[in-house]
Amino acid sequence: MQSTLTFQVSSHENPAFINHYHGGEIMSGTSFARKDRFIKEKRHDVYREMQKHAEPAKCPSCGAVFVNGRWQWQGIEKDAVHILCPACKRTADNYPAGEIEFGGIFFLEHRNEIINLVMNTERQEKKLHPLERIMHITHNEATTAVTTTGIHVARRISEAVAKAFKGHLSLRYGDGEQSLTARWMR
């Protein structure tokens, strides 16, 4: 049988340091958590929108529409406010959130098939998430680099290629998980 004994506190005593009798032990204080924890800074992403836009809003560059608090693909009236979407801002600034590098002997032999899979995966992702897009595809002799506006499409593309063609995939997140660098080799 456990019993709890609570002491009466006068108004001048600090209730945080009340002694409690619990199960045969006297415990000092009511909070056992450390009070000197590190202060966690909020992640800062200049492309993440913190304010609400006037609705409806339309991106003049890609045609995405801001309705019901999110960017979507849908038709809109002519009286929509013109606002550049975050994906178009990233593309204009040439500041990708995701970077994928493909390489290896197998890749060089099957480059067209792999790039077709990359494009199809991006097309599927972009249907549901207008802000997740490919920015650029850059070819050189040994590798191909794909940059994206979001980390989710970069991960989905790299995992689709790894699943379809096997090989070695490495993923590295940076900037508090606001950027992704993926490398696929075979």
N, C-alpha and C. Protein backbone atom coordinates (compact mmCIF):
# COMPACT_ATOMS: atom_id res chain seq x y z
N MET A 1 0.84 -1.17 0.00
CA MET A 1 0.00 0.00 0.00
C MET A 1 0.89 1.24 0.00
N GLN A 2 0.64 2.14 -0.93
CA GLN A 2 1.40 3.36 -1.01
C GLN A 2 0.59 4.49 -0.38
N SER A 3 1.29 5.33 0.34
CA SER A 3 0.62 6.48 0.93
C SER A 3 1.35 7.73 0.50
N THR A 4 0.63 8.81 0.36
CA THR A 4 1.21 10.07 -0.03
C THR A 4 0.96 11.08 1.07
N LEU A 5 2.01 11.72 1.51
CA LEU A 5 1.90 12.73 2.54
C LEU A 5 2.32 14.05 1.93
N THR A 6 1.46 15.03 1.93
CA THR A 6 1.76 16.35 1.38
C THR A 6 1.85 17.33 2.52
N PHE A 7 2.87 18.16 2.49
CA PHE A 7 3.06 19.15 3.53
C PHE A 7 2.32 20.43 3.19
N GLN A 8 1.83 21.10 4.22
CA GLN A 8 1.15 22.36 4.06
C GLN A 8 2.18 23.44 3.74
N VAL A 9 1.89 24.29 2.76
CA VAL A 9 2.82 25.33 2.35
C VAL A 9 2.22 26.68 2.69
N SER A 10 3.04 27.49 3.31
CA SER A 10 2.56 28.84 3.56
C SER A 10 2.79 29.67 2.31
N SER A 11 2.23 30.82 2.24
CA SER A 11 2.27 31.65 1.03
C SER A 11 3.67 32.13 0.69
N HIS A 12 4.60 32.16 1.68
CA HIS A 12 5.93 32.67 1.38
C HIS A 12 6.89 31.56 0.93
N GLU A 13 6.49 30.31 0.98
CA GLU A 13 7.35 29.22 0.54
C GLU A 13 7.14 28.95 -0.95
N ASN A 14 8.15 28.45 -1.57
CA ASN A 14 8.09 28.13 -3.00
C ASN A 14 7.51 26.72 -3.17
N PRO A 15 6.38 26.57 -3.84
CA PRO A 15 5.76 25.25 -3.98
C PRO A 15 6.58 24.30 -4.85
N ALA A 16 7.57 24.79 -5.58
CA ALA A 16 8.37 23.90 -6.43
C ALA A 16 9.32 23.06 -5.60
N PHE A 17 9.57 23.44 -4.34
CA PHE A 17 10.52 22.71 -3.51
C PHE A 17 9.84 22.03 -2.33
N ILE A 18 8.62 21.66 -2.48
CA ILE A 18 7.89 20.95 -1.44
C ILE A 18 8.40 19.52 -1.38
N ASN A 19 8.59 19.00 -0.19
CA ASN A 19 8.99 17.61 -0.04
C ASN A 19 7.75 16.73 -0.09
N HIS A 20 7.85 15.63 -0.81
CA HIS A 20 6.75 14.68 -0.92
C HIS A 20 7.19 13.36 -0.33
N TYR A 21 6.28 12.71 0.34
CA TYR A 21 6.53 11.39 0.87
C TYR A 21 5.79 10.42 -0.04
N HIS A 22 6.55 9.55 -0.72
CA HIS A 22 5.91 8.67 -1.69
C HIS A 22 6.58 7.30 -1.60
N GLY A 23 5.88 6.31 -1.15
CA GLY A 23 6.39 4.95 -1.13
C GLY A 23 7.61 4.78 -0.24
N GLY A 24 7.70 5.45 0.87
CA GLY A 24 8.81 5.28 1.78
C GLY A 24 10.00 6.17 1.49
N GLU A 25 9.94 7.00 0.42
CA GLU A 25 11.07 7.87 0.09
C GLU A 25 10.60 9.32 0.12
N ILE A 26 11.47 10.18 0.57
CA ILE A 26 11.17 11.61 0.53
C ILE A 26 11.81 12.17 -0.72
N MET A 27 11.00 12.81 -1.54
CA MET A 27 11.48 13.37 -2.79
C MET A 27 11.37 14.89 -2.70
N SER A 28 12.41 15.56 -3.11
CA SER A 28 12.43 17.01 -3.01
C SER A 28 12.03 17.61 -4.34
N GLY A 29 11.09 18.52 -4.35
CA GLY A 29 10.66 19.21 -5.58
C GLY A 29 9.61 18.43 -6.33
N THR A 30 8.89 19.11 -7.16
CA THR A 30 7.85 18.46 -7.95
C THR A 30 8.28 18.23 -9.39
N SER A 31 9.29 18.93 -9.84
CA SER A 31 9.74 18.79 -11.21
C SER A 31 11.17 18.27 -11.22
N PHE A 32 11.40 17.17 -11.89
CA PHE A 32 12.73 16.58 -11.93
C PHE A 32 13.44 16.88 -13.24
N ALA A 33 12.84 17.64 -14.13
CA ALA A 33 13.45 17.97 -15.41
C ALA A 33 14.54 19.02 -15.21
N ARG A 34 15.56 18.92 -16.05
CA ARG A 34 16.64 19.92 -15.99
C ARG A 34 16.11 21.25 -16.50
N LYS A 35 16.57 22.30 -15.86
CA LYS A 35 16.12 23.64 -16.24
C LYS A 35 17.12 24.35 -17.14
N ASP A 36 18.29 23.74 -17.36
CA ASP A 36 19.33 24.41 -18.15
C ASP A 36 19.49 23.78 -19.54
N ARG A 37 18.42 23.40 -20.14
CA ARG A 37 18.46 22.79 -21.48
C ARG A 37 18.90 23.82 -22.52
N PHE A 38 19.46 23.28 -23.62
CA PHE A 38 19.85 24.17 -24.70
C PHE A 38 18.62 24.78 -25.36
N ILE A 39 18.74 26.01 -25.76
CA ILE A 39 17.65 26.66 -26.46
C ILE A 39 17.71 26.21 -27.91
N LYS A 40 16.60 25.69 -28.41
CA LYS A 40 16.56 25.22 -29.79
C LYS A 40 16.10 26.36 -30.69
N GLU A 41 16.91 26.64 -31.69
CA GLU A 41 16.53 27.68 -32.63
C GLU A 41 15.52 27.10 -33.62
N LYS A 42 14.62 27.95 -34.05
CA LYS A 42 13.68 27.52 -35.07
C LYS A 42 14.41 27.44 -36.39
N ARG A 43 14.02 26.44 -37.20
CA ARG A 43 14.63 26.31 -38.52
C ARG A 43 14.16 27.46 -39.39
N HIS A 44 15.09 28.02 -40.11
CA HIS A 44 14.77 29.16 -40.95
C HIS A 44 14.88 28.77 -42.41
N ASP A 45 13.77 28.83 -43.12
CA ASP A 45 13.74 28.54 -44.55
C ASP A 45 13.09 29.75 -45.22
N VAL A 46 13.88 30.46 -46.01
CA VAL A 46 13.36 31.68 -46.64
C VAL A 46 12.29 31.37 -47.68
N TYR A 47 12.21 30.13 -48.14
CA TYR A 47 11.22 29.78 -49.15
C TYR A 47 9.94 29.21 -48.55
N ARG A 48 9.92 29.02 -47.24
CA ARG A 48 8.70 28.57 -46.59
C ARG A 48 7.86 29.78 -46.26
N GLU A 49 6.63 29.77 -46.68
CA GLU A 49 5.77 30.93 -46.50
C GLU A 49 5.12 30.90 -45.13
N MET A 50 5.29 31.96 -44.39
CA MET A 50 4.73 32.04 -43.06
C MET A 50 3.39 32.79 -43.05
N GLN A 51 3.20 33.68 -44.00
CA GLN A 51 1.97 34.46 -44.03
C GLN A 51 0.97 33.83 -45.01
N LYS A 52 -0.27 34.12 -44.78
CA LYS A 52 -1.33 33.68 -45.68
C LYS A 52 -1.43 34.67 -46.83
N HIS A 53 -1.62 34.14 -48.01
CA HIS A 53 -1.83 35.00 -49.17
C HIS A 53 -3.31 35.31 -49.33
N ALA A 54 -3.58 36.37 -50.04
CA ALA A 54 -4.97 36.66 -50.39
C ALA A 54 -5.42 35.55 -51.34
N GLU A 55 -6.61 35.05 -51.12
CA GLU A 55 -7.10 33.97 -51.96
C GLU A 55 -8.19 34.47 -52.88
N PRO A 56 -8.27 33.99 -54.08
CA PRO A 56 -7.34 33.09 -54.75
C PRO A 56 -6.12 33.85 -55.26
N ALA A 57 -4.98 33.14 -55.32
CA ALA A 57 -3.74 33.70 -55.85
C ALA A 57 -3.20 32.73 -56.89
N LYS A 58 -2.52 33.28 -57.88
CA LYS A 58 -2.00 32.46 -58.96
C LYS A 58 -0.55 32.84 -59.25
N CYS A 59 0.28 31.82 -59.48
CA CYS A 59 1.67 32.07 -59.85
C CYS A 59 1.72 32.39 -61.34
N PRO A 60 2.22 33.55 -61.72
CA PRO A 60 2.25 33.91 -63.14
C PRO A 60 3.25 33.09 -63.94
N SER A 61 4.19 32.45 -63.27
CA SER A 61 5.23 31.69 -63.96
C SER A 61 4.78 30.27 -64.31
N CYS A 62 4.23 29.54 -63.34
CA CYS A 62 3.88 28.13 -63.58
C CYS A 62 2.37 27.87 -63.65
N GLY A 63 1.57 28.79 -63.13
CA GLY A 63 0.12 28.61 -63.16
C GLY A 63 -0.46 27.92 -61.94
N ALA A 64 0.37 27.61 -60.93
CA ALA A 64 -0.15 27.01 -59.69
C ALA A 64 -1.04 28.03 -58.99
N VAL A 65 -2.03 27.52 -58.27
CA VAL A 65 -3.03 28.37 -57.63
C VAL A 65 -3.00 28.15 -56.12
N PHE A 66 -3.03 29.25 -55.37
CA PHE A 66 -3.09 29.18 -53.91
C PHE A 66 -4.54 29.31 -53.48
N VAL A 67 -5.14 28.19 -53.05
CA VAL A 67 -6.53 28.15 -52.62
C VAL A 67 -6.62 27.26 -51.38
N ASN A 68 -7.45 27.63 -50.44
CA ASN A 68 -7.65 26.86 -49.20
C ASN A 68 -6.34 26.62 -48.45
N GLY A 69 -5.45 27.59 -48.47
CA GLY A 69 -4.24 27.52 -47.69
C GLY A 69 -3.11 26.70 -48.28
N ARG A 70 -3.23 26.25 -49.53
CA ARG A 70 -2.15 25.48 -50.14
C ARG A 70 -2.09 25.70 -51.64
N TRP A 71 -0.93 25.40 -52.23
CA TRP A 71 -0.75 25.53 -53.67
C TRP A 71 -1.28 24.28 -54.34
N GLN A 72 -2.08 24.49 -55.41
CA GLN A 72 -2.74 23.39 -56.11
C GLN A 72 -2.74 23.67 -57.61
N TRP A 73 -3.03 22.62 -58.38
CA TRP A 73 -3.25 22.80 -59.83
C TRP A 73 -4.75 22.82 -60.04
N GLN A 74 -5.29 23.94 -60.43
CA GLN A 74 -6.71 24.04 -60.77
C GLN A 74 -6.96 25.34 -61.50
N GLY A 75 -8.06 25.38 -62.22
CA GLY A 75 -8.42 26.60 -62.92
C GLY A 75 -8.87 27.67 -61.93
N ILE A 76 -8.73 28.91 -62.33
CA ILE A 76 -9.08 30.01 -61.42
C ILE A 76 -9.63 31.19 -62.21
N GLU A 77 -10.39 32.01 -61.52
CA GLU A 77 -10.95 33.19 -62.17
C GLU A 77 -9.85 34.19 -62.53
N LYS A 78 -10.22 35.14 -63.35
CA LYS A 78 -9.26 36.14 -63.82
C LYS A 78 -8.87 37.15 -62.74
N ASP A 79 -9.67 37.27 -61.68
CA ASP A 79 -9.40 38.28 -60.66
C ASP A 79 -8.44 37.80 -59.57
N ALA A 80 -7.69 36.74 -59.83
CA ALA A 80 -6.75 36.22 -58.84
C ALA A 80 -5.53 37.14 -58.69
N VAL A 81 -5.02 37.20 -57.48
CA VAL A 81 -3.81 37.98 -57.19
C VAL A 81 -2.61 37.21 -57.74
N HIS A 82 -1.67 37.91 -58.35
CA HIS A 82 -0.48 37.25 -58.90
C HIS A 82 0.64 37.26 -57.87
N ILE A 83 1.06 36.04 -57.46
CA ILE A 83 2.14 35.86 -56.48
C ILE A 83 3.03 34.74 -56.99
N LEU A 84 4.33 34.94 -56.96
CA LEU A 84 5.27 33.91 -57.37
C LEU A 84 5.32 32.82 -56.31
N CYS A 85 5.11 31.56 -56.72
CA CYS A 85 5.11 30.45 -55.77
C CYS A 85 6.53 30.14 -55.29
N PRO A 86 6.68 29.46 -54.15
CA PRO A 86 8.01 29.16 -53.62
C PRO A 86 8.88 28.33 -54.57
N ALA A 87 8.28 27.43 -55.34
CA ALA A 87 9.06 26.62 -56.28
C ALA A 87 9.65 27.48 -57.39
N CYS A 88 8.88 28.42 -57.89
CA CYS A 88 9.39 29.33 -58.93
C CYS A 88 10.43 30.29 -58.36
N LYS A 89 10.28 30.68 -57.09
CA LYS A 89 11.30 31.52 -56.44
C LYS A 89 12.62 30.77 -56.33
N ARG A 90 12.55 29.50 -55.92
CA ARG A 90 13.77 28.68 -55.82
C ARG A 90 14.44 28.53 -57.18
N THR A 91 13.64 28.29 -58.21
CA THR A 91 14.18 28.12 -59.55
C THR A 91 14.82 29.41 -60.03
N ALA A 92 14.17 30.54 -59.81
CA ALA A 92 14.72 31.83 -60.23
C ALA A 92 16.01 32.14 -59.49
N ASP A 93 16.10 31.77 -58.21
CA ASP A 93 17.30 32.02 -57.41
C ASP A 93 18.37 30.94 -57.62
N ASN A 94 18.02 29.87 -58.34
CA ASN A 94 18.90 28.73 -58.55
C ASN A 94 19.42 28.19 -57.21
N TYR A 95 18.48 27.95 -56.30
CA TYR A 95 18.78 27.47 -54.95
C TYR A 95 17.97 26.19 -54.69
N PRO A 96 18.50 25.04 -55.13
CA PRO A 96 17.74 23.79 -54.99
C PRO A 96 17.67 23.28 -53.55
N ALA A 97 16.58 22.59 -53.26
CA ALA A 97 16.45 21.94 -51.96
C ALA A 97 16.96 20.50 -52.06
N GLY A 98 16.89 19.92 -53.24
CA GLY A 98 17.36 18.56 -53.45
C GLY A 98 18.32 18.47 -54.61
N GLU A 99 19.35 17.66 -54.43
CA GLU A 99 20.32 17.41 -55.50
C GLU A 99 20.54 15.91 -55.59
N ILE A 100 20.42 15.37 -56.80
CA ILE A 100 20.62 13.95 -57.03
C ILE A 100 21.71 13.80 -58.08
N GLU A 101 22.66 12.93 -57.80
CA GLU A 101 23.72 12.65 -58.78
C GLU A 101 23.66 11.18 -59.14
N PHE A 102 23.60 10.90 -60.44
CA PHE A 102 23.59 9.54 -60.95
C PHE A 102 24.91 9.27 -61.65
N GLY A 103 25.47 8.08 -61.43
CA GLY A 103 26.74 7.76 -62.08
C GLY A 103 27.00 6.27 -62.09
N GLY A 104 28.10 5.89 -62.73
CA GLY A 104 28.51 4.50 -62.81
C GLY A 104 28.43 3.98 -64.23
N ILE A 105 29.05 2.84 -64.46
CA ILE A 105 29.07 2.23 -65.80
C ILE A 105 27.67 1.85 -66.25
N PHE A 106 26.89 1.22 -65.35
CA PHE A 106 25.51 0.84 -65.69
C PHE A 106 24.69 2.07 -66.06
N PHE A 107 24.87 3.13 -65.31
CA PHE A 107 24.13 4.36 -65.60
C PHE A 107 24.44 4.88 -67.00
N LEU A 108 25.71 4.88 -67.36
CA LEU A 108 26.09 5.38 -68.68
C LEU A 108 25.48 4.54 -69.79
N GLU A 109 25.34 3.24 -69.57
CA GLU A 109 24.74 2.36 -70.58
C GLU A 109 23.22 2.51 -70.64
N HIS A 110 22.58 2.92 -69.56
CA HIS A 110 21.11 2.99 -69.48
C HIS A 110 20.63 4.39 -69.13
N ARG A 111 21.37 5.40 -69.51
CA ARG A 111 21.05 6.78 -69.13
C ARG A 111 19.65 7.19 -69.56
N ASN A 112 19.25 6.92 -70.79
CA ASN A 112 17.93 7.35 -71.28
C ASN A 112 16.79 6.71 -70.50
N GLU A 113 16.91 5.42 -70.17
CA GLU A 113 15.86 4.75 -69.39
C GLU A 113 15.74 5.36 -68.00
N ILE A 114 16.88 5.63 -67.39
CA ILE A 114 16.87 6.17 -66.02
C ILE A 114 16.30 7.59 -66.03
N ILE A 115 16.67 8.40 -67.01
CA ILE A 115 16.14 9.77 -67.08
C ILE A 115 14.64 9.74 -67.35
N ASN A 116 14.16 8.79 -68.16
CA ASN A 116 12.71 8.65 -68.37
C ASN A 116 12.00 8.32 -67.06
N LEU A 117 12.58 7.44 -66.24
CA LEU A 117 12.00 7.13 -64.94
C LEU A 117 12.01 8.36 -64.03
N VAL A 118 13.07 9.13 -64.06
CA VAL A 118 13.17 10.37 -63.28
C VAL A 118 12.04 11.32 -63.67
N MET A 119 11.85 11.54 -64.96
CA MET A 119 10.82 12.46 -65.45
C MET A 119 9.41 11.96 -65.10
N ASN A 120 9.16 10.66 -65.23
CA ASN A 120 7.84 10.11 -64.90
C ASN A 120 7.55 10.21 -63.41
N THR A 121 8.55 9.97 -62.59
CA THR A 121 8.36 10.08 -61.14
C THR A 121 8.07 11.52 -60.74
N GLU A 122 8.78 12.46 -61.33
CA GLU A 122 8.53 13.88 -61.05
C GLU A 122 7.13 14.28 -61.51
N ARG A 123 6.71 13.79 -62.64
CA ARG A 123 5.37 14.13 -63.16
C ARG A 123 4.28 13.64 -62.20
N GLN A 124 4.45 12.42 -61.66
CA GLN A 124 3.47 11.88 -60.71
C GLN A 124 3.45 12.70 -59.41
N GLU A 125 4.63 13.04 -58.92
CA GLU A 125 4.71 13.82 -57.68
C GLU A 125 4.14 15.22 -57.86
N LYS A 126 4.41 15.81 -59.00
CA LYS A 126 3.98 17.19 -59.25
C LYS A 126 2.46 17.29 -59.39
N LYS A 127 1.79 16.22 -59.79
CA LYS A 127 0.33 16.25 -59.89
C LYS A 127 -0.32 16.55 -58.54
N LEU A 128 0.22 15.95 -57.49
CA LEU A 128 -0.34 16.14 -56.15
C LEU A 128 0.30 17.30 -55.38
N HIS A 129 1.57 17.57 -55.67
CA HIS A 129 2.32 18.58 -54.91
C HIS A 129 3.00 19.54 -55.89
N PRO A 130 2.34 20.63 -56.24
CA PRO A 130 2.87 21.55 -57.24
C PRO A 130 4.22 22.18 -56.90
N LEU A 131 4.59 22.21 -55.63
CA LEU A 131 5.86 22.83 -55.26
C LEU A 131 7.04 21.87 -55.34
N GLU A 132 6.79 20.61 -55.64
CA GLU A 132 7.84 19.59 -55.76
C GLU A 132 8.11 19.35 -57.24
N ARG A 133 9.22 19.93 -57.75
CA ARG A 133 9.53 19.86 -59.18
C ARG A 133 11.01 19.70 -59.43
N ILE A 134 11.33 19.31 -60.66
CA ILE A 134 12.71 19.30 -61.11
C ILE A 134 13.06 20.70 -61.58
N MET A 135 14.21 21.19 -61.15
CA MET A 135 14.68 22.50 -61.60
C MET A 135 15.53 22.36 -62.86
N HIS A 136 16.57 21.54 -62.77
CA HIS A 136 17.50 21.38 -63.89
C HIS A 136 18.01 19.94 -63.94
N ILE A 137 18.34 19.49 -65.15
CA ILE A 137 19.04 18.23 -65.36
C ILE A 137 20.30 18.57 -66.13
N THR A 138 21.46 18.23 -65.54
CA THR A 138 22.75 18.58 -66.13
C THR A 138 23.53 17.29 -66.42
N HIS A 139 23.92 17.11 -67.67
CA HIS A 139 24.69 15.92 -68.07
C HIS A 139 26.15 16.29 -68.27
N ASN A 140 27.05 15.38 -67.90
CA ASN A 140 28.44 15.48 -68.32
C ASN A 140 28.88 14.07 -68.74
N GLU A 141 30.12 13.86 -68.98
CA GLU A 141 30.58 12.57 -69.51
C GLU A 141 30.29 11.40 -68.59
N ALA A 142 30.51 11.55 -67.31
CA ALA A 142 30.41 10.43 -66.38
C ALA A 142 29.15 10.42 -65.52
N THR A 143 28.52 11.57 -65.29
CA THR A 143 27.38 11.64 -64.37
C THR A 143 26.28 12.53 -64.93
N THR A 144 25.14 12.45 -64.26
CA THR A 144 24.03 13.36 -64.51
C THR A 144 23.57 13.89 -63.17
N ALA A 145 23.35 15.19 -63.07
CA ALA A 145 22.88 15.81 -61.84
C ALA A 145 21.47 16.35 -62.05
N VAL A 146 20.61 16.09 -61.10
CA VAL A 146 19.23 16.58 -61.12
C VAL A 146 19.04 17.43 -59.87
N THR A 147 18.55 18.66 -60.04
CA THR A 147 18.24 19.51 -58.90
C THR A 147 16.73 19.68 -58.82
N THR A 148 16.22 19.73 -57.59
CA THR A 148 14.77 19.81 -57.37
C THR A 148 14.43 20.95 -56.42
N THR A 149 13.16 21.35 -56.45
CA THR A 149 12.69 22.43 -55.59
C THR A 149 12.33 21.95 -54.19
N GLY A 150 12.22 20.64 -53.99
CA GLY A 150 11.85 20.10 -52.68
C GLY A 150 12.61 18.84 -52.38
N ILE A 151 12.70 18.51 -51.09
CA ILE A 151 13.42 17.30 -50.69
C ILE A 151 12.60 16.04 -50.93
N HIS A 152 11.28 16.15 -50.91
CA HIS A 152 10.44 14.97 -51.05
C HIS A 152 10.52 14.39 -52.46
N VAL A 153 10.48 15.23 -53.46
CA VAL A 153 10.58 14.74 -54.83
C VAL A 153 11.98 14.20 -55.09
N ALA A 154 13.00 14.79 -54.50
CA ALA A 154 14.36 14.28 -54.67
C ALA A 154 14.49 12.88 -54.08
N ARG A 155 13.94 12.70 -52.91
CA ARG A 155 13.99 11.37 -52.29
C ARG A 155 13.16 10.37 -53.07
N ARG A 156 11.99 10.77 -53.51
CA ARG A 156 11.14 9.85 -54.25
C ARG A 156 11.79 9.43 -55.57
N ILE A 157 12.41 10.36 -56.28
CA ILE A 157 13.10 10.04 -57.54
C ILE A 157 14.26 9.08 -57.28
N SER A 158 15.10 9.41 -56.31
CA SER A 158 16.27 8.56 -56.05
C SER A 158 15.86 7.17 -55.58
N GLU A 159 14.82 7.05 -54.77
CA GLU A 159 14.37 5.74 -54.32
C GLU A 159 13.72 4.95 -55.46
N ALA A 160 13.03 5.63 -56.38
CA ALA A 160 12.44 4.95 -57.52
C ALA A 160 13.52 4.37 -58.43
N VAL A 161 14.58 5.12 -58.66
CA VAL A 161 15.69 4.62 -59.48
C VAL A 161 16.38 3.45 -58.78
N ALA A 162 16.61 3.55 -57.48
CA ALA A 162 17.26 2.48 -56.73
C ALA A 162 16.40 1.22 -56.72
N LYS A 163 15.09 1.38 -56.62
CA LYS A 163 14.20 0.23 -56.61
C LYS A 163 14.14 -0.44 -57.98
N ALA A 164 14.11 0.35 -59.03
CA ALA A 164 13.98 -0.20 -60.38
C ALA A 164 15.29 -0.79 -60.92
N PHE A 165 16.41 -0.14 -60.61
CA PHE A 165 17.68 -0.53 -61.21
C PHE A 165 18.71 -1.04 -60.19
N LYS A 166 18.30 -1.18 -58.93
CA LYS A 166 19.19 -1.59 -57.84
C LYS A 166 20.32 -0.59 -57.69
N GLY A 167 21.53 -1.00 -57.42
CA GLY A 167 22.65 -0.08 -57.26
C GLY A 167 22.78 0.41 -55.83
N HIS A 168 23.66 1.37 -55.63
CA HIS A 168 23.93 1.91 -54.29
C HIS A 168 23.39 3.34 -54.21
N LEU A 169 22.53 3.58 -53.23
CA LEU A 169 21.93 4.90 -53.00
C LEU A 169 22.37 5.42 -51.64
N SER A 170 22.85 6.65 -51.62
CA SER A 170 23.17 7.29 -50.33
C SER A 170 22.40 8.61 -50.27
N LEU A 171 21.80 8.85 -49.11
CA LEU A 171 21.02 10.06 -48.87
C LEU A 171 21.68 10.82 -47.72
N ARG A 172 21.83 12.13 -47.89
CA ARG A 172 22.40 12.96 -46.83
C ARG A 172 21.56 14.22 -46.69
N TYR A 173 21.01 14.42 -45.50
CA TYR A 173 20.22 15.60 -45.22
C TYR A 173 21.12 16.67 -44.62
N GLY A 174 20.83 17.90 -44.92
CA GLY A 174 21.58 19.02 -44.37
C GLY A 174 20.65 20.16 -44.02
N ASP A 175 21.17 21.18 -43.38
CA ASP A 175 20.41 22.37 -43.02
C ASP A 175 19.15 22.05 -42.24
N GLY A 176 19.26 21.19 -41.24
CA GLY A 176 18.09 20.85 -40.44
C GLY A 176 17.01 20.15 -41.24
N GLU A 177 17.42 19.26 -42.11
CA GLU A 177 16.53 18.49 -42.99
C GLU A 177 15.77 19.37 -43.98
N GLN A 178 16.37 20.48 -44.37
CA GLN A 178 15.75 21.34 -45.39
C GLN A 178 16.42 21.15 -46.74
N SER A 179 17.46 20.34 -46.80
CA SER A 179 18.09 20.03 -48.08
C SER A 179 18.48 18.56 -48.09
N LEU A 180 18.57 18.01 -49.28
CA LEU A 180 18.90 16.60 -49.45
C LEU A 180 19.87 16.45 -50.59
N THR A 181 20.94 15.69 -50.36
CA THR A 181 21.87 15.32 -51.41
C THR A 181 21.83 13.81 -51.53
N ALA A 182 21.49 13.33 -52.72
CA ALA A 182 21.39 11.89 -52.97
C ALA A 182 22.40 11.52 -54.04
N ARG A 183 23.01 10.33 -53.88
CA ARG A 183 23.93 9.81 -54.89
C ARG A 183 23.55 8.38 -55.18
N TRP A 184 23.36 8.08 -56.46
CA TRP A 184 23.06 6.72 -56.89
C TRP A 184 24.13 6.28 -57.87
N MET A 185 24.71 5.12 -57.61
CA MET A 185 25.77 4.60 -58.48
C MET A 185 25.49 3.13 -58.79
N ARG A 186 25.81 2.78 -60.04
CA ARG A 186 25.80 1.37 -60.44
C ARG A 186 26.56 1.25 -61.73
